[in-house]
């Protein structure tokens, strides 16, 4: 797992009918990649245990054509509203990233229900308590004016 864009992943994706995608995956590219991978696998295991199948997910690293990012980002509201739920992989940097906040806002603004948002903590192994506390503090101190974009 790494936080680098990889244009080759786009060719591995499959189309999904509107409303049939189980989850839009929201995450900060600045959170720890191995910790994020652990969180994704934890959420996936829970999904499989509940539904008896693998989830269909929309994740930016794969579903946005990295060679044509600007075009695909215009479709963000459609991508979000076409998913049944928003799964937020929330680590210490999540609320400091403007795109993450825009995804949350857009999901709700496009008709997504707040109870369809699931937060999954992203914490580094051996630093779970420190990372979880930092993430909680980021909620307490949230200020959209302090968010960064890139």
Protein backbone atom coordinates (compact mmCIF):
# COMPACT_ATOMS: atom_id res chain seq x y z
CA UNK A 1 0.00 0.00 0.00
CA UNK A 2 1.22 3.46 -0.84
CA UNK A 3 -0.16 6.96 -1.26
CA UNK A 4 1.09 7.50 -4.83
CA UNK A 5 -1.28 7.91 -7.80
CA UNK A 6 -1.01 5.00 -10.22
CA UNK A 7 -2.61 5.52 -13.66
CA UNK A 8 -2.36 1.79 -14.42
CA UNK A 9 -5.03 1.00 -11.81
CA UNK A 10 -7.79 2.71 -13.82
CA UNK A 11 -7.80 -0.07 -16.41
CA UNK A 12 -8.57 -2.61 -13.66
CA UNK A 13 -11.88 -0.95 -12.72
CA UNK A 14 -15.34 -2.11 -13.79
CA UNK A 15 -18.42 0.03 -14.43
CA UNK A 16 -21.12 -0.05 -11.80
CA UNK A 17 -24.78 0.92 -12.23
CA UNK A 18 -25.86 4.10 -10.50
CA UNK A 19 -26.91 3.31 -6.93
CA UNK A 20 -25.30 -0.15 -6.98
CA UNK A 21 -21.89 0.86 -5.63
CA UNK A 22 -21.76 -0.16 -1.98
CA UNK A 23 -19.39 2.55 -0.81
CA UNK A 24 -17.53 5.67 -1.80
CA UNK A 25 -14.18 5.46 -0.03
CA UNK A 26 -13.05 8.80 1.40
CA UNK A 27 -9.53 9.13 2.79
CA UNK A 28 -6.63 11.51 3.15
CA UNK A 29 -3.64 10.81 0.94
CA UNK A 30 -1.54 12.19 3.81
CA UNK A 31 -2.48 9.57 6.39
CA UNK A 32 -0.22 6.57 6.87
CA UNK A 33 -0.68 4.17 3.92
CA UNK A 34 -0.17 0.87 5.83
CA UNK A 35 -2.55 2.07 8.57
CA UNK A 36 -5.11 2.96 5.92
CA UNK A 37 -4.74 -0.46 4.31
CA UNK A 38 -5.35 -2.12 7.70
CA UNK A 39 -8.48 0.02 8.18
CA UNK A 40 -9.77 -0.82 4.69
CA UNK A 41 -9.26 -4.52 5.31
CA UNK A 42 -11.01 -4.28 8.70
CA UNK A 43 -14.02 -2.56 7.08
CA UNK A 44 -14.02 -5.04 4.18
CA UNK A 45 -14.03 -8.03 6.55
CA UNK A 46 -17.01 -6.55 8.42
CA UNK A 47 -18.85 -5.93 5.13
CA UNK A 48 -18.24 -9.49 3.90
CA UNK A 49 -19.39 -10.90 7.26
CA UNK A 50 -22.63 -8.90 7.04
CA UNK A 51 -23.46 -9.28 3.32
CA UNK A 52 -21.68 -12.51 2.35
CA UNK A 53 -19.85 -10.92 -0.60
CA UNK A 54 -17.09 -8.48 -1.45
CA UNK A 55 -18.12 -4.82 -1.57
CA UNK A 56 -18.24 -2.78 -4.77
CA UNK A 57 -16.33 0.40 -3.92
CA UNK A 58 -15.43 3.69 -5.56
CA UNK A 59 -11.91 4.73 -4.60
CA UNK A 60 -10.12 7.66 -6.14
CA UNK A 61 -6.79 5.95 -6.69
CA UNK A 62 -8.46 3.45 -9.02
CA UNK A 63 -11.64 5.11 -10.28
CA UNK A 64 -10.29 8.51 -11.28
CA UNK A 65 -8.32 8.37 -14.49
CA UNK A 66 -5.04 9.78 -13.20
CA UNK A 67 -4.24 10.91 -16.75
CA UNK A 68 -7.43 13.01 -16.87
CA UNK A 69 -8.05 14.02 -13.24
CA UNK A 70 -9.68 17.38 -14.01
CA UNK A 71 -12.37 15.76 -16.17
CA UNK A 72 -13.24 13.06 -13.64
CA UNK A 73 -13.30 15.43 -10.65
CA UNK A 74 -16.13 17.37 -12.27
CA UNK A 75 -18.20 14.22 -11.84
CA UNK A 76 -17.55 13.97 -8.08
CA UNK A 77 -21.19 14.74 -7.13
CA UNK A 78 -22.40 11.96 -9.44
CA UNK A 79 -19.84 9.49 -8.12
CA UNK A 80 -20.82 10.25 -4.53
CA UNK A 81 -24.59 10.18 -5.08
CA UNK A 82 -24.28 6.88 -6.96
CA UNK A 83 -22.94 5.15 -3.85
CA UNK A 84 -25.07 3.66 -1.09
CA UNK A 85 -22.78 4.84 1.68
CA UNK A 86 -19.74 6.98 2.37
CA UNK A 87 -16.97 5.21 4.24
CA UNK A 88 -14.53 7.68 5.75
CA UNK A 89 -11.11 6.30 6.58
CA UNK A 90 -10.34 8.95 9.13
CA UNK A 91 -6.83 9.49 10.41
CA UNK A 92 -5.08 12.47 11.96
CA UNK A 93 -4.88 14.44 8.69
CA UNK A 94 -8.37 13.73 7.31
CA UNK A 95 -10.11 16.92 8.45
CA UNK A 96 -7.16 19.10 7.40
CA UNK A 97 -7.64 18.13 3.74
CA UNK A 98 -10.09 20.28 1.78
CA UNK A 99 -10.98 17.47 -0.66
CA UNK A 100 -11.99 15.23 2.23
CA UNK A 101 -14.29 17.89 3.65
CA UNK A 102 -15.73 18.53 0.16
CA UNK A 103 -16.51 14.82 -0.19
CA UNK A 104 -18.40 14.81 3.13
CA UNK A 105 -20.31 17.97 2.21
CA UNK A 106 -21.11 16.76 -1.30
CA UNK A 107 -22.38 13.37 -0.14
CA UNK A 108 -24.90 14.97 2.22
CA UNK A 109 -25.75 17.82 -0.18
CA UNK A 110 -26.52 15.32 -2.97
CA UNK A 111 -29.03 13.52 -0.75
CA UNK A 112 -26.83 11.06 1.14
CA UNK A 113 -28.12 10.36 4.64
CA UNK A 114 -25.88 11.14 7.60
CA UNK A 115 -26.55 7.64 8.94
CA UNK A 116 -25.05 6.28 5.67
CA UNK A 117 -21.67 7.76 6.65
CA UNK A 118 -19.38 5.31 8.41
CA UNK A 119 -16.15 6.46 10.06
CA UNK A 120 -13.34 3.93 10.24
CA UNK A 121 -10.30 5.04 12.29
CA UNK A 122 -6.89 5.04 10.61
CA UNK A 123 -4.23 4.43 13.24
CA UNK A 124 -0.65 3.27 12.90
CA UNK A 125 0.25 -0.02 14.55
CA UNK A 126 1.87 0.72 17.89
CA UNK A 127 0.53 4.30 17.82
CA UNK A 128 -3.19 3.57 17.92
CA UNK A 129 -3.91 5.64 21.01
CA UNK A 130 -1.86 8.65 19.87
CA UNK A 131 -3.38 8.61 16.37
CA UNK A 132 -6.93 8.13 17.65
CA UNK A 133 -6.53 11.01 20.10
CA UNK A 134 -5.06 13.23 17.35
CA UNK A 135 -8.01 12.37 15.11
CA UNK A 136 -10.51 13.20 17.89
CA UNK A 137 -8.72 16.49 18.51
CA UNK A 138 -8.96 17.31 14.80
CA UNK A 139 -12.77 17.10 15.10
CA UNK A 140 -12.76 19.39 18.14
CA UNK A 141 -10.49 21.93 16.44
CA UNK A 142 -11.96 21.71 12.92
CA UNK A 143 -11.86 24.95 10.94
CA UNK A 144 -12.50 24.78 7.19
CA UNK A 145 -10.40 27.92 6.75
CA UNK A 146 -7.36 25.95 7.91
CA UNK A 147 -7.78 23.13 5.38
CA UNK A 148 -5.18 22.64 2.66
CA UNK A 149 -5.83 21.36 -0.81
CA UNK A 150 -2.67 19.65 -2.03
